[in-house]
Protein backbone atom coordinates (compact mmCIF):
# COMPACT_ATOMS: atom_id res chain seq x y z
CA MET A 1 0.00 0.00 0.00
CA LEU A 2 2.69 2.47 1.01
CA TYR A 3 4.75 1.38 -1.99
CA HIS A 4 1.94 2.31 -4.39
CA LEU A 5 1.12 5.51 -2.48
CA PHE A 6 4.67 6.84 -2.58
CA ASP A 7 5.09 5.69 -6.16
CA TYR A 8 2.04 7.76 -7.07
CA LEU A 9 3.31 10.79 -5.12
CA GLN A 10 6.72 10.53 -6.79
CA ASN A 11 5.37 10.21 -10.33
CA THR A 12 2.60 12.77 -9.95
CA TYR A 13 4.00 15.45 -7.64
CA ASN A 14 7.72 14.61 -7.54
CA ILE A 15 7.74 14.96 -3.75
CA PRO A 16 11.30 14.80 -2.33
CA GLY A 17 11.98 11.54 -0.52
CA ALA A 18 8.99 9.72 -2.01
CA SER A 19 11.29 7.63 -4.17
CA LEU A 20 12.78 6.07 -1.02
CA PHE A 21 10.19 3.29 -1.21
CA THR A 22 11.46 2.29 -4.63
CA TYR A 23 14.81 1.17 -3.17
CA VAL A 24 14.95 -2.53 -2.44
CA THR A 25 17.48 -2.15 0.38
CA PHE A 26 15.31 0.39 2.23
CA ARG A 27 12.16 -1.70 1.90
CA MET A 28 14.06 -4.82 2.93
CA ALA A 29 15.34 -3.17 6.11
CA PHE A 30 11.92 -1.63 6.78
CA ALA A 31 10.19 -5.01 6.41
CA LEU A 32 12.74 -6.73 8.66
CA VAL A 33 12.44 -4.21 11.51
CA LEU A 34 8.65 -3.89 11.26
CA SER A 35 8.11 -7.65 11.26
CA ILE A 36 10.31 -8.10 14.34
CA PHE A 37 8.34 -5.39 16.13
CA ILE A 38 4.94 -6.82 15.15
CA SER A 39 5.95 -10.37 16.07
CA ALA A 40 7.25 -9.31 19.48
CA TRP A 41 4.45 -6.84 20.27
CA PHE A 42 1.51 -8.84 18.92
CA GLY A 43 2.97 -12.06 20.33
CA LYS A 44 2.81 -10.75 23.88
CA PHE A 45 -0.93 -10.09 23.72
CA TYR A 46 -1.71 -13.16 21.63
CA ILE A 47 0.00 -15.48 24.13
CA LYS A 48 -1.99 -13.91 26.98
CA LEU A 49 -5.16 -14.60 25.01
CA LEU A 50 -4.17 -18.24 24.42
CA ARG A 51 -3.43 -18.70 28.11
CA LYS A 52 -6.72 -17.12 29.10
CA TYR A 53 -8.67 -19.66 27.06
CA GLN A 54 -6.21 -22.51 27.87
CA ILE A 55 -5.42 -23.25 24.22
CA SER A 56 -2.54 -25.71 24.51
CA GLU A 57 -1.29 -28.65 22.45
CA THR A 58 -2.26 -31.83 24.29
CA GLN A 59 0.27 -34.26 22.75
CA ARG A 60 3.18 -32.06 23.86
CA ASP A 61 1.98 -32.55 27.43
CA GLU A 62 2.40 -36.33 27.03
CA SER A 63 5.88 -36.21 25.46
CA ILE A 64 8.74 -38.21 26.94
CA ASP A 65 11.43 -35.90 28.32
CA PRO A 66 14.23 -37.32 30.51
CA PHE A 67 14.94 -33.83 31.84
CA ASN A 68 11.33 -33.42 33.07
CA THR A 69 10.91 -30.09 31.32
CA GLN A 70 7.46 -28.83 32.29
CA LYS A 71 5.55 -28.09 29.10
CA VAL A 72 2.04 -28.72 30.33
CA GLY A 73 -0.31 -25.93 29.30
CA VAL A 74 2.09 -24.17 26.92
CA PRO A 75 -0.06 -22.28 24.37
CA THR A 76 -0.05 -23.45 20.76
CA ILE A 77 -1.18 -22.15 17.33
CA GLY A 78 1.55 -19.50 17.66
CA GLY A 79 1.99 -19.64 13.90
CA ILE A 80 -0.67 -16.90 13.76
CA ILE A 81 1.97 -14.57 15.20
CA ILE A 82 4.41 -15.44 12.40
CA ILE A 83 1.83 -15.13 9.63
CA THR A 84 0.59 -11.76 10.93
CA ALA A 85 4.13 -10.40 11.27
CA ILE A 86 4.87 -11.44 7.67
CA LEU A 87 1.73 -10.24 5.93
CA VAL A 88 1.41 -6.80 7.51
CA PRO A 89 4.82 -5.48 6.30
CA VAL A 90 4.39 -7.22 2.94
CA LEU A 91 0.98 -5.64 2.32
CA LEU A 92 2.34 -2.27 3.41
CA ILE A 93 5.55 -1.96 1.41
CA SER A 94 5.54 -4.60 -1.32
CA ASN A 95 4.48 -4.13 -4.91
CA LEU A 96 1.10 -5.83 -4.73
CA LYS A 97 0.88 -6.03 -8.53
CA ASN A 98 3.99 -8.20 -8.66
CA VAL A 99 3.31 -11.86 -9.48
CA TYR A 100 5.87 -13.10 -6.97
CA THR A 101 4.21 -11.12 -4.17
CA PHE A 102 0.93 -12.76 -5.14
CA LEU A 103 2.43 -16.26 -5.04
CA MET A 104 4.12 -15.75 -1.68
CA VAL A 105 0.96 -14.35 -0.06
CA VAL A 106 -1.16 -17.17 -1.50
CA THR A 107 1.37 -19.72 -0.19
CA THR A 108 1.21 -18.20 3.29
CA LEU A 109 -2.59 -18.17 3.38
CA ILE A 110 -3.18 -21.66 1.97
CA LEU A 111 -0.65 -23.46 4.15
CA GLY A 112 -1.59 -21.29 7.12
CA CYS A 113 -5.21 -22.43 6.77
CA ILE A 114 -4.20 -26.10 6.42
CA GLY A 115 -1.96 -25.87 9.48
CA PHE A 116 -4.62 -24.02 11.47
CA ALA A 117 -7.22 -26.70 10.64
CA ASP A 118 -4.78 -29.35 11.86
CA ASP A 119 -4.07 -27.46 15.10
CA TYR A 120 -7.77 -26.76 15.64
CA ILE A 121 -8.64 -30.46 15.43
CA LYS A 122 -5.80 -31.40 17.78
CA THR A 123 -6.54 -28.66 20.30
CA PHE A 124 -10.31 -28.26 20.35
CA LYS A 125 -11.49 -31.65 19.06
CA LYS A 126 -8.82 -33.44 21.15
CA ARG A 127 -7.91 -35.69 18.21
CA LYS A 128 -4.19 -36.34 18.49
CA ASP A 129 -3.71 -37.19 14.81
CA GLY A 130 -5.23 -33.88 13.71
CA LEU A 131 -6.18 -33.27 10.10
CA ASN A 132 -6.25 -36.30 7.84
CA GLY A 133 -2.87 -36.72 6.17
CA TRP A 134 -4.42 -36.97 2.72
CA VAL A 135 -6.20 -33.66 3.21
CA LYS A 136 -2.84 -32.03 3.97
CA ILE A 137 -1.30 -33.60 0.89
CA MET A 138 -4.19 -32.47 -1.30
CA GLY A 139 -3.79 -28.91 -0.01
CA GLN A 140 -0.08 -29.01 -0.83
CA ILE A 141 -0.84 -30.40 -4.29
CA VAL A 142 -3.31 -27.57 -4.95
CA LEU A 143 -0.73 -25.01 -3.85
CA GLY A 144 1.93 -26.63 -6.02
CA LEU A 145 -0.42 -26.48 -9.02
CA ILE A 146 -1.18 -22.81 -8.39
CA VAL A 147 2.52 -21.94 -8.14
CA GLY A 148 3.64 -24.09 -11.07
CA LEU A 149 0.87 -23.01 -13.45
CA THR A 150 1.22 -19.33 -12.50
CA LEU A 151 4.94 -19.45 -13.26
CA ARG A 152 4.09 -21.19 -16.54
CA TYR A 153 1.40 -18.84 -17.84
CA ALA A 154 1.93 -15.44 -16.13
CA PRO A 155 3.36 -13.11 -18.84
CA SER A 156 5.58 -11.25 -16.38
CA VAL A 157 7.41 -14.40 -15.27
CA VAL A 158 10.55 -14.43 -17.43
CA ILE A 159 14.30 -14.77 -17.02
CA ASN A 160 17.46 -13.52 -18.69
CA GLU A 161 19.87 -16.42 -18.73
CA THR A 162 23.02 -14.34 -19.20
CA VAL A 163 23.98 -10.81 -18.20
CA ASP A 164 27.25 -9.17 -19.28
CA THR A 165 28.85 -5.85 -18.33
CA ARG A 166 30.79 -4.15 -21.12
CA ILE A 167 32.81 -0.95 -21.26
CA GLU A 168 32.82 0.88 -24.60
CA ASN A 169 34.23 4.40 -24.99
CA ASN A 170 34.56 4.64 -21.21
CA ILE A 171 30.83 3.96 -20.84
CA GLU A 172 29.69 0.91 -18.88
CA THR A 173 26.73 -0.87 -20.42
CA ILE A 174 24.84 -3.97 -19.35
CA VAL A 175 23.89 -6.44 -22.06
CA LYS A 176 21.45 -9.21 -21.23
CA SER A 177 19.99 -12.08 -23.18
CA PRO A 178 16.35 -11.81 -24.33
CA ASP A 179 13.48 -12.24 -21.89
CA VAL A 180 12.34 -15.85 -22.07
CA LYS A 181 9.86 -18.04 -20.23
CA SER A 182 11.97 -21.01 -19.34
CA THR A 183 12.26 -24.13 -17.20
CA ARG A 184 15.95 -23.44 -16.59
CA THR A 185 17.29 -23.67 -13.07
CA THR A 186 20.66 -23.04 -11.41
CA ILE A 187 23.00 -26.00 -10.93
CA PRO A 188 25.43 -25.56 -8.03
CA PHE A 189 29.17 -25.68 -8.76
CA PHE A 190 28.79 -25.39 -12.56
CA LYS A 191 29.70 -22.05 -14.15
CA ASN A 192 27.74 -20.73 -17.14
CA HIS A 193 25.53 -23.76 -17.09
CA ASN A 194 21.87 -24.01 -16.12
CA LEU A 195 19.80 -27.15 -16.29
CA ASN A 196 16.78 -26.88 -18.57
CA TYR A 197 14.20 -29.45 -17.55
CA ALA A 198 12.97 -29.52 -21.15
CA ASP A 199 16.32 -30.96 -22.21
CA LEU A 200 15.50 -34.09 -20.21
CA PHE A 201 12.82 -34.82 -22.81
CA SER A 202 14.79 -34.11 -25.99
CA PHE A 203 13.77 -37.52 -27.34
CA LEU A 204 10.22 -36.16 -27.74
CA GLY A 205 11.24 -33.54 -30.30
CA PRO A 206 11.71 -29.75 -30.05
CA VAL A 207 8.02 -28.88 -29.52
CA ASN A 208 6.96 -31.72 -27.25
CA LYS A 209 10.07 -31.50 -25.08
CA TYR A 210 9.11 -27.92 -24.18
CA LYS A 211 5.62 -29.03 -23.11
CA ALA A 212 6.99 -32.03 -21.23
CA GLY A 213 9.52 -29.78 -19.49
CA TRP A 214 6.74 -27.62 -18.08
CA VAL A 215 4.72 -30.63 -16.98
CA PHE A 216 7.81 -31.94 -15.19
CA PHE A 217 8.39 -28.51 -13.63
CA VAL A 218 4.83 -28.35 -12.24
CA LEU A 219 5.10 -31.87 -10.82
CA LEU A 220 8.49 -31.02 -9.32
CA THR A 221 6.99 -27.88 -7.77
CA ILE A 222 4.28 -29.96 -6.09
CA PHE A 223 6.89 -32.39 -4.75
CA ILE A 224 9.19 -29.63 -3.44
CA VAL A 225 6.35 -27.75 -1.71
CA ALA A 226 5.16 -30.94 0.01
CA ALA A 227 8.66 -32.12 0.91
CA VAL A 228 9.96 -28.87 2.41
CA SER A 229 6.75 -28.00 4.28
CA ASN A 230 6.59 -31.49 5.81
CA GLY A 231 10.31 -31.37 6.59
CA SER A 232 9.83 -28.10 8.44
CA ASN A 233 6.89 -29.62 10.27
CA LEU A 234 9.00 -32.57 11.44
CA ASN A 235 11.80 -30.23 12.54
CA ASP A 236 9.41 -28.42 14.89
CA GLY A 237 9.95 -30.62 17.93
CA MET A 238 12.09 -28.59 20.32
CA ASP A 239 11.91 -25.05 21.61
CA GLY A 240 13.29 -22.70 18.97
CA MET A 241 14.47 -25.51 16.68
CA ALA A 242 12.37 -24.90 13.56
CA THR A 243 12.23 -21.15 14.21
CA GLY A 244 16.00 -20.70 14.21
CA ASN A 245 16.71 -23.10 11.34
CA SER A 246 14.03 -21.49 9.17
CA ALA A 247 15.31 -17.96 9.90
CA ILE A 248 18.80 -18.99 8.75
CA ILE A 249 17.40 -20.57 5.58
CA GLY A 250 15.13 -17.59 4.95
CA LEU A 251 18.02 -15.13 5.22
CA THR A 252 20.00 -17.19 2.70
CA ILE A 253 17.11 -17.22 0.22
CA ALA A 254 16.72 -13.45 0.67
CA LEU A 255 20.37 -13.02 -0.33
CA LEU A 256 19.92 -15.35 -3.32
CA ALA A 257 16.83 -13.42 -4.38
CA TYR A 258 18.69 -10.12 -4.06
CA VAL A 259 21.46 -11.38 -6.33
CA SER A 260 18.93 -12.76 -8.81
CA SER A 261 17.09 -9.42 -8.95
CA ASN A 262 20.21 -7.32 -9.43
CA LEU A 263 21.60 -6.99 -12.97
CA VAL A 264 25.15 -6.23 -11.89
CA LEU A 265 25.45 -8.97 -9.25
CA SER A 266 23.75 -11.63 -11.35
CA GLY A 267 26.12 -10.79 -14.20
CA TYR A 268 29.17 -10.89 -11.94
CA LEU A 269 28.21 -14.28 -10.47
CA ASN A 270 27.09 -15.70 -13.83
CA LEU A 271 23.55 -16.30 -12.58
CA MET A 272 20.30 -15.90 -14.44
CA TYR A 273 18.56 -12.58 -13.88
CA VAL A 274 14.95 -12.86 -12.68
CA PRO A 275 13.07 -9.56 -13.28
CA GLY A 276 10.67 -8.67 -10.47
CA SER A 277 12.20 -11.04 -7.93
CA GLN A 278 13.17 -8.10 -5.72
CA GLU A 279 9.73 -8.48 -4.13
CA ILE A 280 10.81 -11.89 -2.87
CA VAL A 281 13.65 -10.10 -1.07
CA ILE A 282 11.08 -7.93 0.72
CA PHE A 283 8.92 -10.93 1.59
CA MET A 284 11.83 -12.98 2.91
CA ALA A 285 13.05 -10.04 4.99
CA ALA A 286 9.62 -9.92 6.64
CA PHE A 287 9.77 -13.72 6.99
CA VAL A 288 13.11 -13.61 8.81
CA GLY A 289 11.99 -10.72 11.02
CA ALA A 290 8.79 -12.54 11.98
CA LEU A 291 10.77 -15.62 13.01
CA VAL A 292 13.32 -13.62 14.99
CA GLY A 293 10.50 -11.88 16.86
CA PHE A 294 8.74 -15.18 17.44
CA LEU A 295 11.96 -16.69 18.77
CA TRP A 296 11.72 -14.23 21.67
CA TYR A 297 8.84 -16.35 22.99
CA ASN A 298 9.66 -19.71 21.39
CA SER A 299 13.21 -20.06 22.76
CA TYR A 300 13.73 -22.41 25.70
CA PRO A 301 11.63 -22.63 27.79
CA ALA A 302 8.99 -21.88 25.18
CA ALA A 303 6.11 -19.60 26.09
CA VAL A 304 4.29 -20.63 22.90
CA PHE A 305 4.50 -23.31 20.20
CA MET A 306 4.02 -22.42 16.53
CA GLY A 307 2.02 -25.57 15.80
CA ASP A 308 1.36 -26.78 12.27
CA THR A 309 -0.02 -23.32 11.52
CA GLY A 310 3.53 -22.07 11.63
CA SER A 311 5.67 -25.06 10.67
CA LEU A 312 3.80 -25.99 7.48
CA THR A 313 3.64 -22.34 6.43
CA ILE A 314 7.32 -21.52 6.88
CA GLY A 315 8.34 -24.66 4.99
CA GLY A 316 6.06 -23.79 2.09
CA ILE A 317 7.34 -20.21 1.97
CA ILE A 318 10.94 -21.46 1.75
CA ALA A 319 10.06 -23.87 -1.05
CA VAL A 320 8.05 -21.43 -3.18
CA ALA A 321 10.58 -18.61 -2.79
CA ALA A 322 13.41 -20.88 -3.99
CA ILE A 323 11.33 -22.10 -6.95
CA CYS A 324 10.45 -18.54 -8.00
CA ILE A 325 14.12 -17.55 -8.24
CA HIS A 326 15.07 -20.83 -9.97
CA LYS A 327 17.21 -22.05 -7.07
CA GLU A 328 15.20 -25.13 -6.09
CA LEU A 329 18.13 -27.48 -6.73
CA LEU A 330 19.99 -25.74 -3.88
CA LEU A 331 17.28 -26.75 -1.38
CA PRO A 332 18.62 -30.26 -0.58
CA LEU A 333 21.83 -28.57 0.59
CA LEU A 334 20.32 -25.45 2.15
CA CYS A 335 17.51 -27.37 3.88
CA GLY A 336 19.76 -30.27 4.80
CA ILE A 337 18.36 -30.34 8.35
CA PHE A 338 14.80 -30.69 7.06
CA LEU A 339 15.93 -33.39 4.63
CA PHE A 340 17.71 -35.34 7.37
CA GLU A 341 14.68 -35.11 9.67
CA SER A 342 12.36 -36.39 6.93
CA LEU A 343 14.70 -39.21 5.90
CA SER A 344 15.08 -40.31 9.51
CA VAL A 345 11.32 -40.82 9.80
CA ILE A 346 11.05 -42.59 6.42
CA LEU A 347 14.03 -44.87 7.08
CA GLN A 348 12.86 -45.63 10.62
CA ARG A 349 9.48 -46.83 9.35
CA TRP A 350 11.07 -48.82 6.51
CA TYR A 351 13.59 -50.48 8.83
CA TYR A 352 10.90 -51.28 11.39
CA LYS A 353 8.51 -52.82 8.80
CA THR A 354 11.18 -54.89 7.05
CA GLY A 355 12.31 -56.21 10.43
CA LYS A 356 8.73 -57.00 11.40
CA ARG A 357 8.31 -59.10 8.25
CA LYS A 358 11.41 -61.06 9.27
CA GLY A 359 10.11 -61.47 12.80
CA VAL A 360 12.65 -59.00 14.26
CA HIS A 361 11.61 -56.04 16.43
CA ARG A 362 14.06 -53.25 15.59
CA ARG A 363 14.67 -49.52 15.06
CA LEU A 364 17.41 -47.53 13.35
CA TRP A 365 17.31 -44.69 15.91
CA LYS A 366 15.93 -44.56 19.41
CA ARG A 367 13.28 -42.06 18.30
CA THR A 368 12.50 -40.01 15.23
CA PRO A 369 12.54 -37.31 13.96
CA VAL A 370 16.23 -37.67 14.58
CA HIS A 371 16.55 -34.69 16.96
CA ASP A 372 14.58 -36.75 19.52
CA HIS A 373 17.17 -39.54 19.24
CA TYR A 374 19.71 -37.43 21.11
CA ARG A 375 17.53 -36.87 24.17
CA THR A 376 16.15 -40.42 24.46
CA SER A 377 17.81 -43.20 26.47
CA LEU A 378 17.72 -46.90 25.68
CA SER A 379 15.88 -47.46 28.97
CA ILE A 380 13.06 -45.19 27.77
CA VAL A 381 12.85 -47.16 24.51
CA GLU A 382 12.77 -50.44 26.45
CA LYS A 383 10.08 -49.10 28.76
CA TYR A 384 7.70 -48.04 26.00
CA ASP A 385 8.76 -50.59 23.35
CA PRO A 386 9.97 -53.77 25.15
CA GLY A 387 12.30 -56.06 23.25
CA CYS A 388 13.18 -53.50 20.56
CA ILE A 389 16.72 -53.65 19.13
CA VAL A 390 18.21 -50.22 18.30
CA LYS A 391 20.92 -50.12 15.61
CA PHE A 392 22.30 -46.60 16.21
CA LYS A 393 22.44 -46.41 19.99
CA GLY A 394 24.47 -43.21 20.11
CA SER A 395 26.07 -41.83 23.24
CA SER A 396 24.79 -42.92 26.63
CA THR A 397 25.00 -39.26 27.71
CA LEU A 398 21.74 -37.55 26.85
CA GLN A 399 21.76 -34.00 25.53
CA HIS A 400 19.48 -31.26 26.74
CA GLU A 401 17.23 -29.84 24.04
CA THR A 402 18.91 -26.43 24.18
CA LYS A 403 22.24 -28.01 23.23
CA ILE A 404 20.62 -30.07 20.46
CA THR A 405 18.84 -26.98 19.13
CA LEU A 406 21.99 -24.87 19.11
CA ARG A 407 23.96 -27.60 17.35
CA PHE A 408 21.28 -27.92 14.69
CA TRP A 409 21.42 -24.13 14.23
CA ILE A 410 25.20 -24.34 13.79
CA ILE A 411 24.76 -27.03 11.15
CA SER A 412 22.15 -24.87 9.38
CA ILE A 413 24.53 -21.90 9.37
CA GLY A 414 27.25 -24.08 7.86
CA LEU A 415 24.89 -25.38 5.18
CA ALA A 416 23.72 -21.83 4.42
CA VAL A 417 27.28 -20.54 4.01
CA PHE A 418 28.20 -23.49 1.82
CA THR A 419 25.08 -22.89 -0.31
CA LEU A 420 26.14 -19.29 -0.91
CA LEU A 421 29.69 -20.42 -1.68
CA THR A 422 28.36 -22.63 -4.51
CA LEU A 423 27.61 -19.41 -6.40
CA LYS A 424 31.30 -18.57 -6.40
CA ILE A 425 32.77 -22.08 -6.50
CA ARG A 426 31.71 -22.63 -10.11
């Protein structure tokens, strides 16, 4: 709103200072600070409201904790704080006509509603399993279709694969390749080379491979949205865990988006230029600010849990933002923590079922997602699952959740730095 107001004042009346809102760096800083303030200020009153009506997550109260951390009655559905702190700055200072702003807002609302429905069923209906898993998947599929098809058919969604800076007659000029609608994406470590999904279907001929490339891209978008949002959801198991990891990832994507939206930097780093992606920078700045403000209350001992309202939403935002700037192939590295958490659950179930068919009662880890493995003793496993054989027993010294959380943050920082280094190590 303010973006459009000041743009109008600048173009119509040429008011001094009105052009300030056209600078990406100013709007990015403004969104970051405002989202932190909203998250911290609104969070205080929202948590009081949750406590007043005793809105807490029942299954957390039953969790096994060897350190006897008292989490009974801790309010949940705190994801509303994060969503509010994101959307208010975005609606105020983003270009609301930008297609990427539209996609990010739609992502936030759709996954926020799915997560809220899940939390509502768990909290008010007292059904521990929450929303049916297939309903969640269908919601993620719908979102993936919206994102993929919008990127396919929206006229403003284009890229410039190459950008060069030339100096002729002491005048610096920027030369870029033509605007194209493409299924190209950045491959880490490879200079001057982008993967075009359409090339995977060259055997279909020049026309059909283009169509098949877009079909593959839409299906890949659905998979990435579901995978990252569920990975974020699984990572939300300790105070501040998902909040901190997601803030680190969000900051990295904001930097990638800034490079992708800047002609000079994208040319210098030999990256494709994505016109209009500066609005993703603004959105991700608000995203990071909202999480930092929420961490004020979510750090150990947590005064509020984000619930699925928050965890599904932040995972979806990360996925869609990376897809919009054609950096989705960096996600397995950048979101390595989410990937590891998801794989731990999948492998645990596979190992358990294959052992059951052989008549053996076994687990890979003591508990999954894998962060719970480090605070669970073999005696606890034996108590609740007698006769179970654990393959990876780990250390007999249990770690407090604050130490586990901080170590996961450190790993996320390392993965984020390495992800950014792939732009230079090419």
